[in-house]
Amino acid sequence: MKDELFQQLAASLKEGGAIFRGKKKAARSTTLEWPDAKAVLDALHR
């Protein structure tokens, strides 16, 4: 692996660790909302 790519990978791992430990805030976050299964099934069976 090229040294430059390794340095980027190492920096990314350090940043990920800091985010995981709560020492740094993530730049992005995703929130998933699960659909109501009963409502979906009721709508399909009309």
C-alpha atoms as a PDB file:
ATOM      1  CA  MET A   1       0.000   0.000   0.000  1.00  0.00           C
ATOM      2  CA  LYS A   2       1.321   3.441  -0.848  1.00  0.00           C
ATOM      3  CA  ASP A   3       2.399   5.512   2.138  1.00  0.00           C
ATOM      4  CA  GLU A   4      -0.009   8.354   1.319  1.00  0.00           C
ATOM      5  CA  LEU A   5      -3.000   6.005   1.200  1.00  0.00           C
ATOM      6  CA  PHE A   6      -1.894   4.353   4.438  1.00  0.00           C
ATOM      7  CA  GLN A   7      -1.650   7.744   6.148  1.00  0.00           C
ATOM      8  CA  GLN A   8      -5.194   8.603   4.992  1.00  0.00           C
ATOM      9  CA  LEU A   9      -6.463   5.257   6.261  1.00  0.00           C
ATOM     10  CA  ALA A  10      -4.746   5.703   9.632  1.00  0.00           C
ATOM     11  CA  ALA A  11      -6.190   9.218  10.006  1.00  0.00           C
ATOM     12  CA  SER A  12      -9.644   7.940   9.124  1.00  0.00           C
ATOM     13  CA  LEU A  13      -9.402   5.164  11.718  1.00  0.00           C
ATOM     14  CA  LYS A  14      -8.311   7.640  14.392  1.00  0.00           C
ATOM     15  CA  GLU A  15     -11.199   9.950  13.514  1.00  0.00           C
ATOM     16  CA  GLY A  16     -13.653   7.037  13.577  1.00  0.00           C
ATOM     17  CA  GLY A  17     -12.389   6.020  17.010  1.00  0.00           C
ATOM     18  CA  ALA A  18     -12.834   9.558  18.333  1.00  0.00           C
ATOM     19  CA  ILE A  19     -16.392   9.665  16.973  1.00  0.00           C
ATOM     20  CA  PHE A  20     -17.143   6.245  18.501  1.00  0.00           C
ATOM     21  CA  ARG A  21     -15.843   7.367  21.907  1.00  0.00           C
ATOM     22  CA  GLY A  22     -17.903  10.581  21.712  1.00  0.00           C
ATOM     23  CA  LYS A  23     -14.884  12.899  21.593  1.00  0.00           C
ATOM     24  CA  LYS A  24     -15.766  14.178  18.127  1.00  0.00           C
ATOM     25  CA  LYS A  25     -19.080  14.758  16.415  1.00  0.00           C
ATOM     26  CA  ALA A  26     -19.751  12.950  13.141  1.00  0.00           C
ATOM     27  CA  ALA A  27     -20.054  15.115  10.041  1.00  0.00           C
ATOM     28  CA  ARG A  28     -23.182  13.216   8.925  1.00  0.00           C
ATOM     29  CA  SER A  29     -25.739  10.973  10.544  1.00  0.00           C
ATOM     30  CA  THR A  30     -28.559   8.846   9.207  1.00  0.00           C
ATOM     31  CA  THR A  31     -31.771   8.053  11.035  1.00  0.00           C
ATOM     32  CA  LEU A  32     -33.925   5.215   9.793  1.00  0.00           C
ATOM     33  CA  GLU A  33     -37.611   4.978  10.531  1.00  0.00           C
ATOM     34  CA  TRP A  34     -39.188   1.558  10.143  1.00  0.00           C
ATOM     35  CA  PRO A  35     -42.644   1.457   8.571  1.00  0.00           C
ATOM     36  CA  ASP A  36     -45.570   0.089  10.540  1.00  0.00           C
ATOM     37  CA  ALA A  37     -45.755  -3.492   9.240  1.00  0.00           C
ATOM     38  CA  LYS A  38     -49.420  -3.907  10.166  1.00  0.00           C
ATOM     39  CA  ALA A  39     -50.410  -0.740   8.309  1.00  0.00           C
ATOM     40  CA  VAL A  40     -48.463  -1.851   5.216  1.00  0.00           C
ATOM     41  CA  LEU A  41     -50.079  -5.277   5.228  1.00  0.00           C
ATOM     42  CA  ASP A  42     -53.547  -3.783   5.765  1.00  0.00           C
ATOM     43  CA  ALA A  43     -53.004  -1.456   2.794  1.00  0.00           C
ATOM     44  CA  LEU A  44     -51.909  -4.359   0.569  1.00  0.00           C
ATOM     45  CA  HIS A  45     -54.895  -6.514   1.481  1.00  0.00           C
ATOM     46  CA  ARG A  46     -57.618  -3.975   0.742  1.00  0.00           C
END
